[in-house]
Amino acid sequence: MYRRHTIGVIVPAYNEEGHIGDVLATIPDFVDRIYAVDDHSVDGTWRIIQEYAAASRQADEGTDETDAYETSERIRTSLPDGGAVVGSKIVPIRHTENKGAGGALRTGYIHARDDGVDIAVTMDADGQMDPDQLPTLLDPIVEGDADYAKGNRLADQLSRREMPPFRLFGNWLLTQLTKIASGYWRLQDPQNGYTAISHEALSAVDIESLPDDHDYPNDLLVRLNIAGMRVADVSMPAVYDDEESTIEYRTFVPLTSVTLLRGFCRRMWAQFATDRRHPAVICYTSGITALASAVAITSISVMNVINGEPSVREPMAAVFTFLASAGLLLVAMQVDARDNAKMGVRR
C-alpha cells in the first residue's frame, strides 16, 4: 500500500527470460499485487514467473495470521469498491496464444480493475523502467492532480542523447500526431510503457476493446480524453541495457496511423455530440474539407498539363485553398489546445 492506496503492477512479458526475474524481484514492497502476464512466450519466461509466484505464495503462508488479517483489513477499507486483495502477491497469468503487447496489457488491466486496486501500474518486463521511480509516477494520482500518469523520457536530456536519432525523430513525430488525436497537447513520449491509472479512470474506459498491438497507448489516451480524465506527464529517465524492441515498424506505422485517425474522429464526434457548434470541430471539419478541395484542384491542374491545356487558374485556386486549409487547421489546433489545457499535467 502506498499512501493509503492499494497498488497493482502489471508486467506484460514476451520472451523476457533474461529480464523478468530482476523486474519481479525489484518491484517495491509497498505494491500489493503483481500481475505477471506471459504472452505465450517460447523461452523460459513462464517458468521464471511461476517460480517467483511460488516463492510469493510460500512467503504469504509464512505470514503471521494476525498481521495478515490487519493487512487485509487495511487494504479492504481503502478499495473503491469495498473488495479485498487476497491471495498471492504475484499472480501468474499465461495466454494460450500470443495476443500482442496491447493484448497482454489488457489482460492485466481487467484483472486489476476486477480486483479493485486503487491504482494499476504498467511496467515492461525488459528492465527499462526504474522501480525506484514508481512513487514519482504514483504521486500525481495519489495527490488528486491526475487520473492517469505516464513516464516521459524526452524531458530528460540524457535519455534523449542515448536514444538513436531515427527513434528520437519517430518519437517526436508520433508525439505531435498523438497530441492532435488525443487532445492532450502537453504530453510527450506517448509510447512510454511506464504508466499508472486510477481505478476510476480504468473503469471509465472500455478496456476490453483496447487494441492488441503497440498502438494501445495512443488509443487509450483518446479514450481517457473522451472520459474527461486528466493526464500527467512525469519526467523519468529510461534504463537502457541489452533489450530489443519488439515493434515491427512495417506494421506499426500504418496500424498506429489508422488508430490515431480513428481516435481523432471518435473524439471529434464526442465533442460534436456535446456541442454541435464547438469551434474546434467546425474549424477541423472546414480545414480538412478545404485540404481535400486543394488536392482535387491540384489533380485537375496536373491533368490539364498532361493533356496540353495548362492554365493559371487551377494552380492559383489550389494555392489559395491550401492556405485557407492550413489557416483553419491551425486555428482548430489552438482552440483545441486551449479547451484541453486543464486536462494535461506536467510533473
Protein backbone atom coordinates (compact mmCIF):
# COMPACT_ATOMS: atom_id res chain seq x y z
CA MET A 1 0.00 0.00 0.00
CA TYR A 2 1.30 3.44 -0.93
CA ARG A 3 -0.02 6.48 0.95
CA ARG A 4 -3.27 4.66 1.79
CA HIS A 5 -3.76 3.47 -1.83
CA THR A 6 -3.55 -0.13 -2.95
CA ILE A 7 -1.20 -0.65 -5.89
CA GLY A 8 -1.30 -3.32 -8.58
CA VAL A 9 1.59 -3.63 -11.05
CA ILE A 10 1.01 -5.25 -14.46
CA VAL A 11 4.11 -6.79 -16.04
CA PRO A 12 3.36 -7.98 -19.60
CA ALA A 13 6.12 -10.25 -20.87
CA TYR A 14 7.05 -11.97 -24.10
CA ASN A 15 10.34 -13.90 -24.34
CA GLU A 16 11.92 -11.96 -21.48
CA GLU A 17 13.63 -14.76 -19.54
CA GLY A 18 16.76 -12.61 -19.27
CA HIS A 19 14.99 -9.73 -17.50
CA ILE A 20 11.65 -10.80 -16.00
CA GLY A 21 13.20 -12.22 -12.81
CA ASP A 22 15.05 -9.00 -11.99
CA VAL A 23 11.92 -6.94 -12.71
CA LEU A 24 9.73 -9.02 -10.38
CA ALA A 25 12.42 -9.06 -7.67
CA THR A 26 12.92 -5.29 -7.63
CA ILE A 27 9.29 -4.13 -7.56
CA PRO A 28 8.86 -2.16 -4.30
CA ASP A 29 7.42 -3.90 -1.25
CA PHE A 30 4.54 -1.43 -0.98
CA VAL A 31 3.00 -2.93 -4.12
CA ASP A 32 0.00 -5.09 -3.12
CA ARG A 33 -0.42 -7.23 -6.23
CA ILE A 34 1.76 -8.05 -9.27
CA TYR A 35 0.05 -9.35 -12.41
CA ALA A 36 2.76 -11.14 -14.40
CA VAL A 37 1.25 -11.78 -17.84
CA ASP A 38 3.15 -14.16 -20.10
CA ASP A 39 2.01 -13.57 -23.68
CA HIS A 40 2.68 -17.19 -24.73
CA SER A 41 6.48 -16.90 -24.65
CA VAL A 42 8.58 -19.62 -26.28
CA ASP A 43 11.54 -19.29 -23.89
CA GLY A 44 11.78 -19.70 -20.11
CA THR A 45 9.71 -16.62 -19.21
CA TRP A 46 6.70 -18.59 -17.92
CA ARG A 47 8.89 -20.90 -15.83
CA ILE A 48 10.54 -17.93 -14.12
CA ILE A 49 7.18 -16.26 -13.45
CA GLN A 50 5.89 -19.47 -11.88
CA GLU A 51 8.98 -19.74 -9.69
CA TYR A 52 8.55 -16.21 -8.37
CA ALA A 53 4.82 -16.76 -7.84
CA ALA A 54 5.52 -19.95 -5.88
CA ALA A 55 8.05 -18.12 -3.72
CA SER A 56 5.47 -15.38 -3.15
CA ARG A 57 2.88 -17.94 -2.02
CA GLN A 58 5.35 -19.52 0.37
CA ALA A 59 6.14 -16.13 1.85
CA ASP A 60 2.41 -15.43 2.30
CA GLU A 61 1.87 -18.78 4.01
CA GLY A 62 4.63 -17.96 6.47
CA THR A 63 3.00 -14.64 7.49
CA ASP A 64 1.55 -14.37 10.99
CA GLU A 65 -2.27 -14.70 10.85
CA THR A 66 -2.83 -11.52 12.91
CA ASP A 67 -0.56 -9.47 10.64
CA ALA A 68 -2.23 -10.96 7.55
CA TYR A 69 -5.70 -10.07 8.87
CA GLU A 70 -4.69 -6.48 9.72
CA THR A 71 -3.09 -6.03 6.31
CA SER A 72 -6.21 -7.41 4.59
CA GLU A 73 -8.43 -5.03 6.59
CA ARG A 74 -6.30 -2.01 5.68
CA ILE A 75 -6.47 -2.96 2.02
CA ARG A 76 -10.22 -3.69 2.11
CA THR A 77 -11.15 -0.33 3.66
CA SER A 78 -9.13 1.59 1.07
CA LEU A 79 -10.52 -0.10 -2.00
CA PRO A 80 -13.03 1.94 -4.03
CA ASP A 81 -15.46 -0.95 -4.42
CA GLY A 82 -15.09 -2.39 -0.93
CA GLY A 83 -13.35 -5.51 -2.23
CA ALA A 84 -10.16 -7.05 -0.95
CA VAL A 85 -6.83 -8.03 -2.45
CA VAL A 86 -6.28 -11.56 -1.19
CA GLY A 87 -4.04 -14.44 -2.14
CA SER A 88 -0.53 -14.48 -3.56
CA LYS A 89 1.19 -11.17 -4.19
CA ILE A 90 2.33 -12.37 -7.63
CA VAL A 91 -0.48 -13.54 -9.91
CA PRO A 92 0.89 -15.65 -12.79
CA ILE A 93 -1.22 -15.36 -15.97
CA ARG A 94 -0.42 -17.06 -19.27
CA HIS A 95 -2.08 -16.59 -22.64
CA THR A 96 -2.75 -19.76 -24.63
CA GLU A 97 -1.81 -17.81 -27.75
CA ASN A 98 0.20 -14.67 -28.41
CA LYS A 99 -2.07 -11.61 -28.30
CA GLY A 100 0.47 -8.80 -28.65
CA ALA A 101 1.67 -6.06 -26.30
CA GLY A 102 -1.76 -4.45 -26.02
CA GLY A 103 -3.48 -7.79 -25.51
CA ALA A 104 -1.18 -8.72 -22.61
CA LEU A 105 -1.67 -5.32 -21.02
CA ARG A 106 -5.44 -5.57 -21.46
CA THR A 107 -5.49 -8.86 -19.56
CA GLY A 108 -3.63 -7.29 -16.66
CA TYR A 109 -5.87 -4.23 -16.65
CA ILE A 110 -9.00 -6.37 -16.47
CA HIS A 111 -7.64 -8.32 -13.52
CA ALA A 112 -6.57 -5.15 -11.70
CA ARG A 113 -9.93 -3.50 -12.31
CA ASP A 114 -11.88 -6.54 -11.18
CA ASP A 115 -9.71 -6.85 -8.05
CA GLY A 116 -10.50 -3.20 -7.33
CA VAL A 117 -6.97 -1.92 -6.70
CA ASP A 118 -6.82 1.86 -6.35
CA ILE A 119 -4.02 2.37 -8.90
CA ALA A 120 -2.88 0.00 -11.66
CA VAL A 121 0.69 0.43 -12.90
CA THR A 122 2.20 -0.94 -16.11
CA MET A 123 5.87 -1.86 -16.12
CA ASP A 124 7.62 -3.55 -19.04
CA ALA A 125 9.44 -6.83 -18.43
CA ASP A 126 12.62 -5.73 -20.21
CA GLY A 127 14.02 -3.80 -17.24
CA GLN A 128 13.81 -0.33 -18.83
CA MET A 129 11.60 1.04 -16.04
CA ASP A 130 13.38 2.03 -12.85
CA PRO A 131 11.29 0.66 -9.93
CA ASP A 132 12.67 3.40 -7.67
CA GLN A 133 10.78 5.90 -9.84
CA LEU A 134 7.41 4.31 -9.06
CA PRO A 135 6.48 6.76 -6.24
CA THR A 136 7.12 9.66 -8.64
CA LEU A 137 4.65 8.11 -11.07
CA LEU A 138 2.05 7.45 -8.39
CA ASP A 139 2.13 10.84 -6.66
CA PRO A 140 0.08 12.80 -9.26
CA ILE A 141 -2.79 10.32 -8.85
CA VAL A 142 -2.48 9.93 -5.09
CA GLU A 143 -2.47 13.72 -4.66
CA GLY A 144 -5.55 14.11 -6.86
CA ASP A 145 -3.83 16.05 -9.66
CA ALA A 146 -4.33 13.39 -12.35
CA ASP A 147 -6.25 10.23 -13.20
CA TYR A 148 -3.52 8.77 -15.41
CA ALA A 149 0.25 9.29 -15.24
CA LYS A 150 2.88 8.27 -17.75
CA GLY A 151 6.65 8.47 -17.98
CA ASN A 152 8.32 10.94 -20.31
CA ARG A 153 11.86 10.13 -21.47
CA LEU A 154 12.03 13.13 -23.80
CA ALA A 155 12.07 15.56 -20.87
CA ASP A 156 15.39 14.07 -19.73
CA GLN A 157 18.35 15.35 -21.76
CA LEU A 158 20.49 12.27 -21.09
CA SER A 159 17.73 9.91 -22.24
CA ARG A 160 17.33 11.95 -25.44
CA ARG A 161 21.05 11.66 -26.16
CA GLU A 162 21.03 7.89 -25.62
CA MET A 163 18.06 7.39 -27.95
CA PRO A 164 19.05 6.67 -31.61
CA PRO A 165 18.35 9.66 -33.95
CA PHE A 166 15.81 7.73 -36.05
CA ARG A 167 13.96 6.57 -32.94
CA LEU A 168 14.09 10.07 -31.45
CA PHE A 169 12.62 11.61 -34.62
CA GLY A 170 9.94 8.90 -34.79
CA ASN A 171 9.02 9.52 -31.17
CA TRP A 172 8.79 13.28 -31.78
CA LEU A 173 6.59 12.82 -34.87
CA LEU A 174 4.35 10.33 -33.09
CA THR A 175 4.08 12.76 -30.17
CA GLN A 176 2.74 15.51 -32.44
CA LEU A 177 0.21 13.20 -34.10
CA THR A 178 -0.93 11.82 -30.75
CA LYS A 179 -1.44 15.35 -29.41
CA ILE A 180 -3.82 16.09 -32.28
CA ALA A 181 -5.66 12.78 -31.94
CA SER A 182 -5.94 12.69 -28.15
CA GLY A 183 -6.29 16.37 -27.24
CA TYR A 184 -3.51 16.13 -24.62
CA TRP A 185 -1.36 18.88 -26.07
CA ARG A 186 1.17 18.93 -23.23
CA LEU A 187 2.23 15.29 -23.42
CA GLN A 188 5.40 13.82 -24.89
CA ASP A 189 6.69 10.29 -25.44
CA PRO A 190 3.22 8.69 -25.89
CA GLN A 191 4.64 5.15 -26.34
CA ASN A 192 6.21 5.13 -22.88
CA GLY A 193 5.12 1.92 -21.14
CA TYR A 194 5.64 3.13 -17.58
CA THR A 195 2.15 4.28 -16.60
CA ALA A 196 -0.30 4.44 -13.71
CA ILE A 197 -4.09 4.71 -13.86
CA SER A 198 -6.68 5.21 -11.16
CA HIS A 199 -9.48 2.74 -10.55
CA GLU A 200 -11.99 5.42 -11.58
CA ALA A 201 -10.27 6.06 -14.92
CA LEU A 202 -9.78 2.36 -15.62
CA SER A 203 -13.48 1.75 -15.01
CA ALA A 204 -14.50 4.72 -17.20
CA VAL A 205 -12.91 3.44 -20.42
CA ASP A 206 -13.89 0.30 -22.33
CA ILE A 207 -10.68 -1.53 -21.52
CA GLU A 208 -11.93 -4.79 -23.07
CA SER A 209 -11.67 -3.25 -26.55
CA LEU A 210 -8.11 -1.94 -26.14
CA PRO A 211 -6.04 -2.78 -29.29
CA ASP A 212 -3.77 -5.82 -29.30
CA ASP A 213 -0.67 -4.20 -30.76
CA HIS A 214 1.73 -1.40 -29.78
CA ASP A 215 -0.82 1.25 -30.72
CA TYR A 216 -2.67 0.65 -27.43
CA PRO A 217 -1.27 3.72 -25.56
CA ASN A 218 -2.41 6.08 -28.33
CA ASP A 219 -5.89 4.58 -28.32
CA LEU A 220 -6.07 4.67 -24.52
CA LEU A 221 -5.19 8.37 -24.43
CA VAL A 222 -8.11 9.15 -26.74
CA ARG A 223 -10.45 7.14 -24.52
CA LEU A 224 -9.22 8.97 -21.43
CA ASN A 225 -9.83 12.37 -23.03
CA ILE A 226 -13.37 11.44 -24.06
CA ALA A 227 -13.97 10.28 -20.47
CA GLY A 228 -12.71 13.66 -19.16
CA MET A 229 -9.66 12.26 -17.36
CA ARG A 230 -6.57 14.31 -16.50
CA VAL A 231 -3.19 13.01 -17.69
CA ALA A 232 0.16 13.76 -16.04
CA ASP A 233 3.43 13.67 -17.98
CA VAL A 234 6.14 12.66 -15.49
CA SER A 235 9.78 13.29 -16.40
CA MET A 236 11.54 9.98 -15.98
CA PRO A 237 14.84 8.60 -17.36
CA ALA A 238 14.86 5.24 -19.12
CA VAL A 239 17.19 2.39 -18.25
CA TYR A 240 18.88 1.10 -21.42
CA ASP A 241 20.62 -2.28 -21.47
CA ASP A 242 20.65 -5.15 -23.99
CA GLU A 243 16.88 -5.24 -24.53
CA GLU A 244 15.49 -5.29 -28.07
CA SER A 245 12.33 -3.57 -29.20
CA THR A 246 9.52 -5.90 -30.30
CA ILE A 247 7.97 -3.20 -32.51
CA GLU A 248 7.86 -4.12 -36.20
CA TYR A 249 7.77 -0.75 -37.93
CA ARG A 250 6.37 -2.12 -41.20
CA THR A 251 3.13 -2.93 -39.39
CA PHE A 252 3.38 -0.44 -36.53
CA VAL A 253 3.39 2.73 -38.68
CA PRO A 254 0.24 2.02 -40.75
CA LEU A 255 -1.58 0.43 -37.81
CA THR A 256 -0.88 3.35 -35.47
CA SER A 257 -1.77 5.86 -38.19
CA VAL A 258 -5.19 4.25 -38.57
CA THR A 259 -5.62 4.12 -34.78
CA LEU A 260 -4.79 7.82 -34.44
CA LEU A 261 -7.13 8.81 -37.28
CA ARG A 262 -9.95 6.71 -35.88
CA GLY A 263 -9.32 8.07 -32.39
CA PHE A 264 -9.32 11.66 -33.63
CA CYS A 265 -12.64 11.14 -35.42
CA ARG A 266 -14.11 9.47 -32.33
CA ARG A 267 -13.03 12.38 -30.13
CA MET A 268 -14.39 14.99 -32.55
CA TRP A 269 -17.69 13.12 -32.71
CA ALA A 270 -17.88 13.09 -28.92
CA GLN A 271 -17.30 16.86 -28.85
CA PHE A 272 -19.85 17.38 -31.64
CA ALA A 273 -22.42 15.33 -29.71
CA THR A 274 -21.85 17.58 -26.69
CA ASP A 275 -21.73 20.89 -28.58
CA ARG A 276 -22.73 20.95 -32.25
CA ARG A 277 -21.21 24.42 -32.61
CA HIS A 278 -17.89 23.59 -30.98
CA PRO A 279 -15.32 25.87 -32.73
CA ALA A 280 -12.59 23.22 -32.84
CA VAL A 281 -14.88 20.72 -34.56
CA ILE A 282 -16.07 23.36 -37.05
CA CYS A 283 -12.52 24.53 -37.87
CA TYR A 284 -11.16 20.99 -38.16
CA THR A 285 -14.01 19.96 -40.45
CA SER A 286 -13.67 23.08 -42.61
CA GLY A 287 -9.88 22.76 -42.75
CA ILE A 288 -9.97 19.11 -43.79
CA THR A 289 -12.63 19.85 -46.40
CA ALA A 290 -10.53 22.69 -47.79
CA LEU A 291 -7.45 20.46 -47.88
CA ALA A 292 -9.35 17.81 -49.83
CA SER A 293 -10.52 20.51 -52.25
CA ALA A 294 -6.93 21.72 -52.71
CA VAL A 295 -5.80 18.19 -53.55
CA ALA A 296 -8.68 17.79 -56.03
CA ILE A 297 -7.91 21.12 -57.73
CA THR A 298 -4.21 20.20 -57.92
CA SER A 299 -5.11 16.91 -59.59
CA ILE A 300 -7.21 18.78 -62.18
CA SER A 301 -4.31 21.15 -62.82
CA VAL A 302 -1.90 18.26 -63.36
CA MET A 303 -4.30 16.55 -65.74
CA ASN A 304 -4.64 19.80 -67.73
CA VAL A 305 -0.87 20.00 -68.09
CA ILE A 306 -0.68 16.36 -69.20
CA ASN A 307 -3.43 16.99 -71.78
CA GLY A 308 -1.58 20.04 -73.10
CA GLU A 309 -4.08 22.53 -71.69
CA PRO A 310 -2.14 24.35 -68.95
CA SER A 311 -3.98 27.05 -67.01
CA VAL A 312 -3.01 29.53 -64.31
CA ARG A 313 -6.46 29.49 -62.75
CA GLU A 314 -6.33 26.00 -61.20
CA PRO A 315 -2.85 26.35 -59.60
CA MET A 316 -3.81 29.68 -58.05
CA ALA A 317 -7.06 28.24 -56.74
CA ALA A 318 -5.16 25.27 -55.31
CA VAL A 319 -2.67 27.53 -53.50
CA PHE A 320 -5.43 29.72 -52.09
CA THR A 321 -7.45 26.72 -50.93
CA PHE A 322 -4.39 25.10 -49.37
CA LEU A 323 -3.52 28.28 -47.45
CA ALA A 324 -7.12 28.56 -46.25
CA SER A 325 -6.97 24.93 -45.13
CA ALA A 326 -3.71 25.47 -43.22
CA GLY A 327 -5.15 28.55 -41.50
CA LEU A 328 -8.31 26.75 -40.43
CA LEU A 329 -6.37 23.76 -39.10
CA LEU A 330 -4.00 25.99 -37.11
CA VAL A 331 -6.97 27.79 -35.56
CA ALA A 332 -8.57 24.42 -34.76
CA MET A 333 -5.41 23.22 -33.00
CA GLN A 334 -5.13 26.43 -30.98
CA VAL A 335 -8.76 26.20 -29.86
CA ASP A 336 -8.41 22.51 -29.09
CA ALA A 337 -5.24 23.10 -27.05
CA ARG A 338 -6.94 25.91 -25.13
CA ASP A 339 -10.02 23.82 -24.35
CA ASN A 340 -7.93 20.86 -23.17
CA ALA A 341 -5.28 22.84 -21.27
CA LYS A 342 -6.54 21.70 -17.88
CA MET A 343 -6.54 18.04 -18.96
CA GLY A 344 -2.75 17.83 -19.12
CA VAL A 345 -0.43 18.00 -16.11
CA ARG A 346 3.36 18.32 -16.15
CA ARG A 347 5.37 16.93 -13.22
